[in-house]
Amino acid sequence: MTWKTLRVERNEAGTIAQVRLDRPDKRNAQTLELWDELRRVGVALQDDPTLRVVVVSGAGHSFSAGIDLGVLLGQATGASTPLPEVELVQHAFRWLRESRFATIAMVQGYALGAGCQLALACDLRILADDAVMALPEIEFGIFPDLGGCAWLPELVGSAKAKELIFTADRFDAAEALRLGLANRVVPRHQLEAVTAELAERIAAKAPLGIAAAKRAIAAAEISADEALRVSATEVRKLLASADFREAGRAALEKRAPRYQGR
């Protein structure tokens, strides 16, 4: 497929996809078209059994400066096409959280508003040391409705999430790491290499186990009992899988396992 606002690239093995926002002259500000393409990319990638990791990034100097101001101000004045249903826009982000494969946000420069929420949708976040994040929606009379209110509290706690949303304060990469929002902070020139190495490591792991772990961790947001219930259900499936048997053979033969996702 060809895209107008995104670039989608695969590694040679097909196990890693990089979805890159491609509006560098606009600091990858998000538009209706970008949301539609991002949602459709998610649908397409879900059907690929070879995929293990998706890296989300932004072309140029910034990850994403948020919603394109033309879209936002056009909504406020009634001068632009009405936004689609919020739930539909949320699907442009939600698939990153709900997919069976691991997802990593590779963040440099600005990750503001919808850009910050896009990073929050991913399982992991690797930040360059020049990254600046914020959820400034409250300044425009709205709030982070694309996932920020769902995913930020689980990372930083309810009270800190409220503070960041209520004040719209910007925070740098070091603060993101201190809060637990960033998994790693690296020098800007090392961002691509560090993210690629992490993606390769994860892509080599058992894909069924990663998918099951994501479901169990998501269940923990409901309750510990629900996470335990999901864990028990999922591990029974894994114990019967071909990948579990392959892991055993590989251990005996002292080699790396060759997982097939079955």
Protein backbone atom coordinates (compact mmCIF):
# COMPACT_ATOMS: atom_id res chain seq x y z
CA MET A 1 0.00 0.00 0.00
CA THR A 2 1.03 3.61 -0.54
CA TRP A 3 0.41 6.32 2.03
CA LYS A 4 0.38 10.12 1.84
CA THR A 5 1.17 10.97 5.46
CA LEU A 6 3.08 7.87 6.58
CA ARG A 7 5.99 5.71 5.57
CA VAL A 8 5.87 2.01 6.42
CA GLU A 9 9.11 0.04 6.17
CA ARG A 10 9.94 -3.58 7.01
CA ASN A 11 13.17 -5.29 7.96
CA GLU A 12 14.49 -8.03 5.69
CA ALA A 13 12.95 -10.81 7.78
CA GLY A 14 9.58 -9.06 7.85
CA THR A 15 9.41 -9.31 11.63
CA ILE A 16 9.74 -5.57 12.35
CA ALA A 17 7.74 -2.73 10.82
CA GLN A 18 8.50 0.94 11.25
CA VAL A 19 5.51 3.24 10.89
CA ARG A 20 6.90 6.73 10.44
CA LEU A 21 4.78 9.87 10.49
CA ASP A 22 5.89 11.72 7.37
CA ARG A 23 5.00 15.41 7.63
CA PRO A 24 8.40 16.71 8.78
CA ASP A 25 7.77 20.25 7.54
CA LYS A 26 4.78 20.38 9.93
CA ARG A 27 6.60 18.60 12.79
CA ASN A 28 4.36 15.63 11.97
CA ALA A 29 1.25 17.46 13.13
CA GLN A 30 -1.71 15.14 12.85
CA THR A 31 -4.59 15.56 10.40
CA LEU A 32 -7.79 13.70 9.60
CA GLU A 33 -5.98 12.01 6.72
CA LEU A 34 -3.10 10.91 8.95
CA TRP A 35 -5.50 9.42 11.51
CA ASP A 36 -7.34 7.54 8.77
CA GLU A 37 -4.10 6.18 7.34
CA LEU A 38 -2.76 5.23 10.76
CA ARG A 39 -5.98 3.33 11.51
CA ARG A 40 -5.81 1.51 8.16
CA VAL A 41 -2.14 0.65 8.67
CA GLY A 42 -3.08 -0.97 11.96
CA VAL A 43 -5.75 -3.09 10.27
CA ALA A 44 -3.28 -4.20 7.59
CA LEU A 45 -0.50 -5.09 10.02
CA GLN A 46 -2.77 -7.10 12.29
CA ASP A 47 -3.23 -9.63 9.48
CA ASP A 48 0.50 -10.31 9.04
CA PRO A 49 1.52 -13.44 10.99
CA THR A 50 5.25 -12.78 10.52
CA LEU A 51 5.17 -9.41 12.29
CA ARG A 52 6.65 -9.29 15.79
CA VAL A 53 7.35 -5.60 16.54
CA VAL A 54 6.07 -2.24 15.32
CA VAL A 55 8.17 0.89 15.85
CA VAL A 56 6.32 4.22 15.61
CA SER A 57 8.46 7.25 14.77
CA GLY A 58 8.36 10.69 13.22
CA ALA A 59 10.35 12.00 10.26
CA GLY A 60 12.56 15.01 10.82
CA HIS A 61 13.24 16.81 14.07
CA SER A 62 10.08 15.89 16.01
CA PHE A 63 7.99 12.83 16.78
CA SER A 64 4.69 14.73 16.50
CA ALA A 65 3.74 18.23 17.61
CA GLY A 66 0.11 17.14 18.08
CA ILE A 67 -3.04 17.95 16.15
CA ASP A 68 -2.53 20.23 13.18
CA LEU A 69 -3.68 23.66 14.39
CA GLY A 70 -5.61 24.14 11.18
CA VAL A 71 -7.77 21.16 12.09
CA LEU A 72 -8.20 22.27 15.69
CA LEU A 73 -8.99 25.91 14.99
CA GLY A 74 -11.22 24.94 12.09
CA GLN A 75 -13.31 22.88 14.48
CA ALA A 76 -13.54 25.76 16.95
CA THR A 77 -14.73 28.20 14.28
CA GLY A 78 -16.83 25.75 12.26
CA ALA A 79 -14.69 26.47 9.19
CA SER A 80 -13.49 22.93 8.48
CA THR A 81 -14.92 19.49 7.89
CA PRO A 82 -16.40 18.08 11.12
CA LEU A 83 -14.19 15.57 12.91
CA PRO A 84 -15.12 11.91 12.60
CA GLU A 85 -16.51 10.13 15.64
CA VAL A 86 -13.96 10.23 18.45
CA GLU A 87 -14.09 6.44 18.78
CA LEU A 88 -12.97 6.11 15.15
CA VAL A 89 -9.99 8.41 15.73
CA GLN A 90 -9.12 6.49 18.90
CA HIS A 91 -8.75 3.35 16.79
CA ALA A 92 -5.84 5.04 15.01
CA PHE A 93 -4.01 4.74 18.35
CA ARG A 94 -5.67 1.82 20.15
CA TRP A 95 -4.40 -0.90 17.86
CA LEU A 96 -0.88 -0.22 19.10
CA ARG A 97 -1.94 -1.06 22.64
CA GLU A 98 -4.29 -3.93 21.77
CA SER A 99 -2.27 -5.73 19.07
CA ARG A 100 -0.66 -9.13 19.60
CA PHE A 101 2.82 -7.76 18.73
CA ALA A 102 5.02 -5.43 20.74
CA THR A 103 4.97 -1.72 19.91
CA ILE A 104 7.70 0.85 20.57
CA ALA A 105 7.52 4.64 20.28
CA MET A 106 10.84 6.16 19.15
CA VAL A 107 10.56 9.77 20.27
CA GLN A 108 12.70 12.78 19.43
CA GLY A 109 11.94 16.48 19.66
CA TYR A 110 8.33 17.42 20.34
CA ALA A 111 5.71 14.85 21.37
CA LEU A 112 2.83 17.13 22.26
CA GLY A 113 -0.90 16.54 22.61
CA ALA A 114 -1.95 13.85 20.18
CA GLY A 115 1.76 13.15 19.60
CA CYS A 116 2.20 12.41 23.30
CA GLN A 117 -0.93 10.25 23.28
CA LEU A 118 0.39 8.31 20.28
CA ALA A 119 3.58 7.56 22.23
CA LEU A 120 1.51 6.54 25.26
CA ALA A 121 -0.43 4.06 23.10
CA CYS A 122 2.75 2.04 22.53
CA ASP A 123 3.98 -0.66 24.89
CA LEU A 124 7.41 0.96 25.27
CA ARG A 125 8.88 4.43 24.76
CA ILE A 126 12.51 5.17 23.88
CA LEU A 127 13.23 8.90 24.11
CA ALA A 128 16.05 10.97 22.73
CA ASP A 129 17.56 13.35 25.24
CA ASP A 130 16.05 16.29 23.35
CA ALA A 131 12.47 15.02 23.67
CA VAL A 132 9.83 17.38 25.06
CA MET A 133 6.39 16.05 25.98
CA ALA A 134 3.12 17.60 27.10
CA LEU A 135 -0.65 17.23 27.01
CA PRO A 136 -1.76 20.82 26.30
CA GLU A 137 -5.35 20.05 25.28
CA ILE A 138 -6.80 21.82 28.31
CA GLU A 139 -5.44 25.10 26.87
CA PHE A 140 -7.85 24.65 23.95
CA GLY A 141 -10.87 23.91 26.12
CA ILE A 142 -10.71 20.12 25.60
CA PHE A 143 -8.72 17.26 27.18
CA PRO A 144 -6.63 14.24 26.04
CA ASP A 145 -9.44 12.09 24.64
CA LEU A 146 -7.42 9.85 22.32
CA GLY A 147 -5.99 7.68 25.10
CA GLY A 148 -4.06 10.02 27.37
CA CYS A 149 -6.56 9.74 30.21
CA ALA A 150 -6.53 5.95 29.85
CA TRP A 151 -2.80 5.28 29.55
CA LEU A 152 -1.01 8.08 31.40
CA PRO A 153 -2.37 7.16 34.88
CA GLU A 154 -1.09 3.59 34.65
CA LEU A 155 2.41 4.92 34.03
CA VAL A 156 2.66 7.88 36.41
CA GLY A 157 -0.26 7.39 38.82
CA SER A 158 -3.61 9.12 38.95
CA ALA A 159 -2.55 12.25 40.85
CA LYS A 160 0.47 12.99 38.64
CA ALA A 161 -1.58 12.32 35.50
CA LYS A 162 -4.15 14.85 36.67
CA GLU A 163 -1.42 17.40 37.37
CA LEU A 164 0.12 17.01 33.91
CA ILE A 165 -3.28 17.22 32.21
CA PHE A 166 -4.70 20.05 34.34
CA THR A 167 -1.59 22.26 34.05
CA ALA A 168 -0.58 21.34 30.48
CA ASP A 169 3.04 21.60 31.68
CA ARG A 170 5.81 20.51 29.36
CA PHE A 171 8.40 18.05 30.64
CA ASP A 172 11.69 16.86 29.22
CA ALA A 173 13.10 13.39 28.63
CA ALA A 174 14.85 13.23 32.01
CA GLU A 175 11.56 13.95 33.79
CA ALA A 176 9.75 11.40 31.62
CA LEU A 177 12.27 8.79 32.71
CA ARG A 178 11.94 9.78 36.37
CA LEU A 179 8.15 9.50 36.15
CA GLY A 180 8.31 6.06 34.55
CA LEU A 181 6.86 7.27 31.27
CA ALA A 182 10.07 6.61 29.31
CA ASN A 183 11.70 3.19 29.29
CA ARG A 184 15.03 4.64 28.22
CA VAL A 185 16.55 8.02 27.40
CA VAL A 186 19.48 8.03 24.98
CA PRO A 187 21.55 10.65 23.13
CA ARG A 188 19.77 11.80 20.01
CA HIS A 189 22.39 10.34 17.68
CA GLN A 190 21.91 6.89 19.26
CA LEU A 191 18.11 6.83 19.14
CA GLU A 192 17.70 4.86 15.91
CA ALA A 193 20.38 2.29 16.79
CA VAL A 194 19.17 1.70 20.36
CA THR A 195 15.55 1.34 19.24
CA ALA A 196 16.50 -0.99 16.41
CA GLU A 197 18.53 -3.20 18.77
CA LEU A 198 15.65 -3.41 21.23
CA ALA A 199 13.18 -4.22 18.44
CA GLU A 200 15.45 -7.01 17.17
CA ARG A 201 15.76 -8.49 20.66
CA ILE A 202 12.01 -8.51 21.16
CA ALA A 203 11.35 -9.84 17.64
CA ALA A 204 13.48 -12.89 18.49
CA LYS A 205 11.33 -13.78 21.52
CA ALA A 206 8.27 -16.03 21.59
CA PRO A 207 5.48 -14.08 19.85
CA LEU A 208 2.66 -16.05 21.49
CA GLY A 209 4.17 -15.37 24.90
CA ILE A 210 4.40 -11.63 24.20
CA ALA A 211 0.78 -11.52 23.03
CA ALA A 212 -0.36 -13.43 26.12
CA ALA A 213 1.67 -11.20 28.43
CA LYS A 214 0.07 -8.10 26.89
CA ARG A 215 -3.39 -9.53 27.55
CA ALA A 216 -2.54 -10.43 31.14
CA ILE A 217 -1.03 -7.02 31.85
CA ALA A 218 -4.08 -5.32 30.34
CA ALA A 219 -6.28 -7.43 32.62
CA ALA A 220 -4.33 -6.15 35.62
CA GLU A 221 -5.89 -2.74 34.95
CA ILE A 222 -9.20 -4.34 35.96
CA SER A 223 -7.90 -6.21 38.99
CA ALA A 224 -5.15 -8.55 40.15
CA ASP A 225 -7.67 -11.39 40.22
CA GLU A 226 -8.56 -10.77 36.58
CA ALA A 227 -4.88 -10.71 35.62
CA LEU A 228 -4.38 -14.06 37.37
CA ARG A 229 -7.43 -15.53 35.64
CA VAL A 230 -6.21 -14.39 32.22
CA SER A 231 -2.70 -15.62 32.99
CA ALA A 232 -3.96 -19.10 33.83
CA THR A 233 -6.03 -19.27 30.65
CA GLU A 234 -3.22 -18.02 28.45
CA VAL A 235 -0.47 -20.24 29.83
CA ARG A 236 -2.58 -23.35 29.27
CA LYS A 237 -2.70 -22.43 25.59
CA LEU A 238 1.02 -21.77 25.47
CA LEU A 239 1.91 -25.11 27.06
CA ALA A 240 0.12 -26.81 24.17
CA SER A 241 1.78 -24.70 21.46
CA ALA A 242 4.39 -25.72 18.92
CA ASP A 243 6.50 -22.73 20.00
CA PHE A 244 6.68 -24.09 23.57
CA ARG A 245 7.95 -27.42 22.23
CA GLU A 246 10.43 -25.60 20.00
CA ALA A 247 11.75 -23.66 23.00
CA GLY A 248 12.38 -26.95 24.80
CA ARG A 249 14.19 -28.48 21.83
CA ALA A 250 16.30 -25.36 21.38
CA ALA A 251 17.34 -25.45 25.04
CA LEU A 252 18.40 -29.08 24.76
CA GLU A 253 20.27 -28.44 21.52
CA LYS A 254 21.84 -25.24 22.87
CA ARG A 255 20.67 -23.05 20.00
CA ALA A 256 18.36 -20.10 19.49
CA PRO A 257 14.71 -21.10 19.14
CA ARG A 258 12.96 -20.61 15.80
CA TYR A 259 9.48 -19.46 16.75
CA GLN A 260 6.62 -19.71 14.25
CA GLY A 261 3.83 -18.18 16.28
CA ARG A 262 1.97 -21.49 16.50
